[in-house]
Amino acid sequence: MQIPSIIMLALLGLAAQVHAKPDCDALACDEVKQAIREIEARMRAGYSRSQGERFEARLRKLKRKRSKLCR
């Protein structure tokens, strides 16, 4: 009698973890989008050539990350 209840508790614990992942992805997605907005705002304010290269490299990385997280 105890074994089925232990299995049930384990399954409920796993189910809670499965449902938590989309929330984490949504938070990570929002963070990436905010970082992109911040870099784009800094770029609109003007920048040197070396800063521009760093901004562009960072934007490429963030946009790749956004395409994986934000679906």
C-alpha atoms as a PDB file:
ATOM      1  CA  MET A   1       0.000   0.000   0.000  1.00  0.00           C
ATOM      2  CA  GLN A   2       2.861   2.384   0.764  1.00  0.00           C
ATOM      3  CA  ILE A   3       4.754   1.757  -2.466  1.00  0.00           C
ATOM      4  CA  PRO A   4       1.969   3.125  -4.743  1.00  0.00           C
ATOM      5  CA  SER A   5       1.722   6.278  -2.613  1.00  0.00           C
ATOM      6  CA  ILE A   6       5.509   6.762  -2.801  1.00  0.00           C
ATOM      7  CA  ILE A   7       5.360   6.351  -6.570  1.00  0.00           C
ATOM      8  CA  MET A   8       2.468   8.806  -6.739  1.00  0.00           C
ATOM      9  CA  LEU A   9       4.405  11.410  -4.741  1.00  0.00           C
ATOM     10  CA  ALA A  10       7.443  10.955  -6.976  1.00  0.00           C
ATOM     11  CA  LEU A  11       5.323  11.422 -10.105  1.00  0.00           C
ATOM     12  CA  LEU A  12       3.715  14.544  -8.680  1.00  0.00           C
ATOM     13  CA  GLY A  13       7.147  15.952  -7.913  1.00  0.00           C
ATOM     14  CA  LEU A  14       8.275  15.301 -11.483  1.00  0.00           C
ATOM     15  CA  ALA A  15       5.105  16.847 -12.889  1.00  0.00           C
ATOM     16  CA  ALA A  16       5.719  20.028 -10.897  1.00  0.00           C
ATOM     17  CA  GLN A  17       9.218  20.300 -12.356  1.00  0.00           C
ATOM     18  CA  VAL A  18       7.937  19.839 -15.900  1.00  0.00           C
ATOM     19  CA  HIS A  19       5.448  22.665 -15.465  1.00  0.00           C
ATOM     20  CA  ALA A  20       8.083  24.964 -13.957  1.00  0.00           C
ATOM     21  CA  LYS A  21      10.307  24.924 -17.047  1.00  0.00           C
ATOM     22  CA  PRO A  22       8.115  27.108 -19.301  1.00  0.00           C
ATOM     23  CA  ASP A  23       8.047  29.780 -16.591  1.00  0.00           C
ATOM     24  CA  CYS A  24      11.838  29.717 -16.418  1.00  0.00           C
ATOM     25  CA  ASP A  25      12.031  29.928 -20.209  1.00  0.00           C
ATOM     26  CA  ALA A  26       9.614  32.856 -20.192  1.00  0.00           C
ATOM     27  CA  LEU A  27      11.727  34.685 -17.620  1.00  0.00           C
ATOM     28  CA  ALA A  28      14.923  33.984 -19.533  1.00  0.00           C
ATOM     29  CA  CYS A  29      13.229  35.098 -22.753  1.00  0.00           C
ATOM     30  CA  ASP A  30      12.162  38.382 -21.143  1.00  0.00           C
ATOM     31  CA  GLU A  31      15.680  38.954 -19.814  1.00  0.00           C
ATOM     32  CA  VAL A  32      17.213  38.393 -23.247  1.00  0.00           C
ATOM     33  CA  LYS A  33      14.690  40.726 -24.883  1.00  0.00           C
ATOM     34  CA  GLN A  34      15.449  43.406 -22.281  1.00  0.00           C
ATOM     35  CA  ALA A  35      19.198  43.065 -22.866  1.00  0.00           C
ATOM     36  CA  ILE A  36      18.630  43.480 -26.618  1.00  0.00           C
ATOM     37  CA  ARG A  37      16.541  46.612 -26.012  1.00  0.00           C
ATOM     38  CA  GLU A  38      19.252  48.071 -23.758  1.00  0.00           C
ATOM     39  CA  ILE A  39      22.015  47.509 -26.311  1.00  0.00           C
ATOM     40  CA  GLU A  40      19.880  48.955 -29.106  1.00  0.00           C
ATOM     41  CA  ALA A  41      19.166  52.029 -26.959  1.00  0.00           C
ATOM     42  CA  ARG A  42      22.880  52.491 -26.283  1.00  0.00           C
ATOM     43  CA  MET A  43      23.590  52.162 -29.998  1.00  0.00           C
ATOM     44  CA  ARG A  44      21.058  54.898 -30.800  1.00  0.00           C
ATOM     45  CA  ALA A  45      22.960  57.203 -28.442  1.00  0.00           C
ATOM     46  CA  GLY A  46      26.124  56.879 -30.551  1.00  0.00           C
ATOM     47  CA  TYR A  47      29.242  54.778 -30.253  1.00  0.00           C
ATOM     48  CA  SER A  48      32.810  54.377 -31.459  1.00  0.00           C
ATOM     49  CA  ARG A  49      33.870  51.773 -33.992  1.00  0.00           C
ATOM     50  CA  SER A  50      35.241  49.398 -31.349  1.00  0.00           C
ATOM     51  CA  GLN A  51      32.116  49.815 -29.211  1.00  0.00           C
ATOM     52  CA  GLY A  52      29.968  49.161 -32.280  1.00  0.00           C
ATOM     53  CA  GLU A  53      31.796  45.923 -32.974  1.00  0.00           C
ATOM     54  CA  ARG A  54      31.250  44.792 -29.380  1.00  0.00           C
ATOM     55  CA  PHE A  55      27.586  45.817 -29.513  1.00  0.00           C
ATOM     56  CA  GLU A  56      27.053  43.910 -32.764  1.00  0.00           C
ATOM     57  CA  ALA A  57      28.772  40.776 -31.435  1.00  0.00           C
ATOM     58  CA  ARG A  58      26.690  40.889 -28.250  1.00  0.00           C
ATOM     59  CA  LEU A  59      23.492  41.446 -30.238  1.00  0.00           C
ATOM     60  CA  ARG A  60      24.248  38.429 -32.465  1.00  0.00           C
ATOM     61  CA  LYS A  61      24.692  36.221 -29.386  1.00  0.00           C
ATOM     62  CA  LEU A  62      21.552  37.544 -27.717  1.00  0.00           C
ATOM     63  CA  LYS A  63      19.453  37.147 -30.863  1.00  0.00           C
ATOM     64  CA  ARG A  64      20.592  33.526 -31.245  1.00  0.00           C
ATOM     65  CA  LYS A  65      19.696  32.927 -27.612  1.00  0.00           C
ATOM     66  CA  ARG A  66      16.318  34.633 -28.126  1.00  0.00           C
ATOM     67  CA  SER A  67      15.545  32.381 -31.090  1.00  0.00           C
ATOM     68  CA  LYS A  68      16.146  29.308 -28.900  1.00  0.00           C
ATOM     69  CA  LEU A  69      14.282  30.529 -25.796  1.00  0.00           C
ATOM     70  CA  CYS A  70      11.370  32.528 -27.146  1.00  0.00           C
ATOM     71  CA  ARG A  71       9.053  30.277 -29.095  1.00  0.00           C
END
